[in-house]
C-alpha atoms as a PDB file:
ATOM      1  CA  UNK A   1     -11.883   2.402   4.945  1.00  0.00           C
ATOM      2  CA  UNK A   2     -15.255   2.431   3.242  1.00  0.00           C
ATOM      3  CA  UNK A   3     -15.890   2.923  -0.233  1.00  0.00           C
ATOM      4  CA  UNK A   4     -18.325   5.449  -1.158  1.00  0.00           C
ATOM      5  CA  UNK A   5     -20.882   5.016  -4.131  1.00  0.00           C
ATOM      6  CA  UNK A   6     -19.058   7.501  -6.125  1.00  0.00           C
ATOM      7  CA  UNK A   7     -15.805   5.645  -5.621  1.00  0.00           C
ATOM      8  CA  UNK A   8     -17.479   2.457  -6.617  1.00  0.00           C
ATOM      9  CA  UNK A   9     -18.701   3.939  -9.748  1.00  0.00           C
ATOM     10  CA  UNK A  10     -15.309   5.553 -10.743  1.00  0.00           C
ATOM     11  CA  UNK A  11     -13.903   2.125 -10.341  1.00  0.00           C
ATOM     12  CA  UNK A  12     -16.382   0.318 -12.040  1.00  0.00           C
ATOM     13  CA  UNK A  13     -16.101   2.846 -15.071  1.00  0.00           C
ATOM     14  CA  UNK A  14     -12.580   1.533 -15.907  1.00  0.00           C
ATOM     15  CA  UNK A  15     -13.274  -2.284 -15.644  1.00  0.00           C
ATOM     16  CA  UNK A  16     -13.838  -4.300 -19.125  1.00  0.00           C
ATOM     17  CA  UNK A  17     -16.954  -6.193 -17.518  1.00  0.00           C
ATOM     18  CA  UNK A  18     -18.685  -2.928 -16.722  1.00  0.00           C
ATOM     19  CA  UNK A  19     -17.634  -1.210 -20.054  1.00  0.00           C
ATOM     20  CA  UNK A  20     -19.119  -4.297 -21.860  1.00  0.00           C
ATOM     21  CA  UNK A  21     -22.566  -3.950 -19.936  1.00  0.00           C
ATOM     22  CA  UNK A  22     -22.421  -0.335 -20.927  1.00  0.00           C
ATOM     23  CA  UNK A  23     -22.072  -0.771 -24.653  1.00  0.00           C
ATOM     24  CA  UNK A  24     -24.579  -3.443 -24.499  1.00  0.00           C
ATOM     25  CA  UNK A  25     -26.845  -0.928 -22.874  1.00  0.00           C
ATOM     26  CA  UNK A  26     -26.011   1.553 -25.352  1.00  0.00           C
ATOM     27  CA  UNK A  27     -26.733  -0.822 -28.141  1.00  0.00           C
ATOM     28  CA  UNK A  28     -30.283  -1.562 -26.673  1.00  0.00           C
ATOM     29  CA  UNK A  29     -30.996   2.233 -26.178  1.00  0.00           C
ATOM     30  CA  UNK A  30     -30.296   2.739 -29.987  1.00  0.00           C
ATOM     31  CA  UNK A  31     -32.414  -0.196 -31.104  1.00  0.00           C
ATOM     32  CA  UNK A  32     -35.339   0.015 -28.868  1.00  0.00           C
ATOM     33  CA  UNK A  33     -35.211   3.577 -27.246  1.00  0.00           C
ATOM     34  CA  UNK A  34     -34.093   2.572 -24.057  1.00  0.00           C
ATOM     35  CA  UNK A  35     -33.353   0.200 -21.161  1.00  0.00           C
ATOM     36  CA  UNK A  36     -34.688   0.617 -17.790  1.00  0.00           C
ATOM     37  CA  UNK A  37     -32.615   1.842 -14.952  1.00  0.00           C
ATOM     38  CA  UNK A  38     -33.163  -1.116 -12.810  1.00  0.00           C
ATOM     39  CA  UNK A  39     -32.412  -3.596 -15.384  1.00  0.00           C
ATOM     40  CA  UNK A  40     -29.047  -1.843 -16.079  1.00  0.00           C
ATOM     41  CA  UNK A  41     -28.310  -2.230 -12.447  1.00  0.00           C
ATOM     42  CA  UNK A  42     -29.683  -5.794 -12.259  1.00  0.00           C
ATOM     43  CA  UNK A  43     -27.050  -6.711 -14.940  1.00  0.00           C
ATOM     44  CA  UNK A  44     -24.195  -4.958 -13.281  1.00  0.00           C
ATOM     45  CA  UNK A  45     -25.016  -6.498  -9.987  1.00  0.00           C
ATOM     46  CA  UNK A  46     -25.363  -9.958 -11.814  1.00  0.00           C
ATOM     47  CA  UNK A  47     -22.083  -9.919 -13.415  1.00  0.00           C
ATOM     48  CA  UNK A  48     -19.988  -8.799 -10.561  1.00  0.00           C
ATOM     49  CA  UNK A  49     -21.600 -11.203  -8.225  1.00  0.00           C
ATOM     50  CA  UNK A  50     -20.547 -14.084 -10.614  1.00  0.00           C
ATOM     51  CA  UNK A  51     -17.497 -12.978 -11.201  1.00  0.00           C
ATOM     52  CA  UNK A  52     -13.760 -12.103  -9.827  1.00  0.00           C
ATOM     53  CA  UNK A  53     -13.098  -9.143  -7.417  1.00  0.00           C
ATOM     54  CA  UNK A  54     -12.361  -5.718  -8.200  1.00  0.00           C
ATOM     55  CA  UNK A  55      -9.115  -4.373  -7.522  1.00  0.00           C
ATOM     56  CA  UNK A  56      -9.131  -1.200  -5.752  1.00  0.00           C
ATOM     57  CA  UNK A  57      -5.981   0.575  -5.917  1.00  0.00           C
ATOM     58  CA  UNK A  58      -5.016   2.443  -2.693  1.00  0.00           C
ATOM     59  CA  UNK A  59      -7.875   0.746  -0.771  1.00  0.00           C
ATOM     60  CA  UNK A  60      -5.845  -0.144   2.237  1.00  0.00           C
ATOM     61  CA  UNK A  61      -3.021   2.355   1.685  1.00  0.00           C
ATOM     62  CA  UNK A  62      -0.752   3.323   4.781  1.00  0.00           C
ATOM     63  CA  UNK A  63      -2.584   0.140   6.751  1.00  0.00           C
ATOM     64  CA  UNK A  64       0.741  -1.989   6.524  1.00  0.00           C
ATOM     65  CA  UNK A  65       4.214  -1.126   8.089  1.00  0.00           C
ATOM     66  CA  UNK A  66       7.306  -2.538   6.723  1.00  0.00           C
ATOM     67  CA  UNK A  67       9.922  -3.711   9.352  1.00  0.00           C
ATOM     68  CA  UNK A  68      13.029  -1.720   9.659  1.00  0.00           C
ATOM     69  CA  UNK A  69      15.289  -4.785   8.851  1.00  0.00           C
ATOM     70  CA  UNK A  70      13.115  -5.437   5.452  1.00  0.00           C
ATOM     71  CA  UNK A  71      16.037  -4.890   3.163  1.00  0.00           C
ATOM     72  CA  UNK A  72      18.413  -7.113   5.355  1.00  0.00           C
ATOM     73  CA  UNK A  73      19.401 -10.862   4.123  1.00  0.00           C
ATOM     74  CA  UNK A  74      17.596 -13.375   5.497  1.00  0.00           C
ATOM     75  CA  UNK A  75      19.484 -15.791   8.116  1.00  0.00           C
ATOM     76  CA  UNK A  76      20.569 -19.079   6.653  1.00  0.00           C
ATOM     77  CA  UNK A  77      18.186 -20.908   9.131  1.00  0.00           C
ATOM     78  CA  UNK A  78      15.530 -19.630   6.823  1.00  0.00           C
ATOM     79  CA  UNK A  79      16.878 -20.956   3.872  1.00  0.00           C
ATOM     80  CA  UNK A  80      17.961 -24.433   5.520  1.00  0.00           C
ATOM     81  CA  UNK A  81      14.519 -25.001   6.960  1.00  0.00           C
ATOM     82  CA  UNK A  82      15.873 -25.080  10.476  1.00  0.00           C
ATOM     83  CA  UNK A  83      13.589 -23.868  13.166  1.00  0.00           C
END
């Protein structure tokens, strides 16, 4: 499943790292009158390339199936390490 740009921006909007970048951009706007559009997105890209992956809720929804015996107890062989 491909993430659209709109979905990606929606995901970013709720991450602390993006919020921090946005707050810094707002501060710079207030102090200097602006931050170039390209510079803002460069900061976002640099921050996310250097850091951890972003969790996307529901990204792979429906792509895994549980077996019918999922709730059954595992056999003793499993716990005893027998092949």
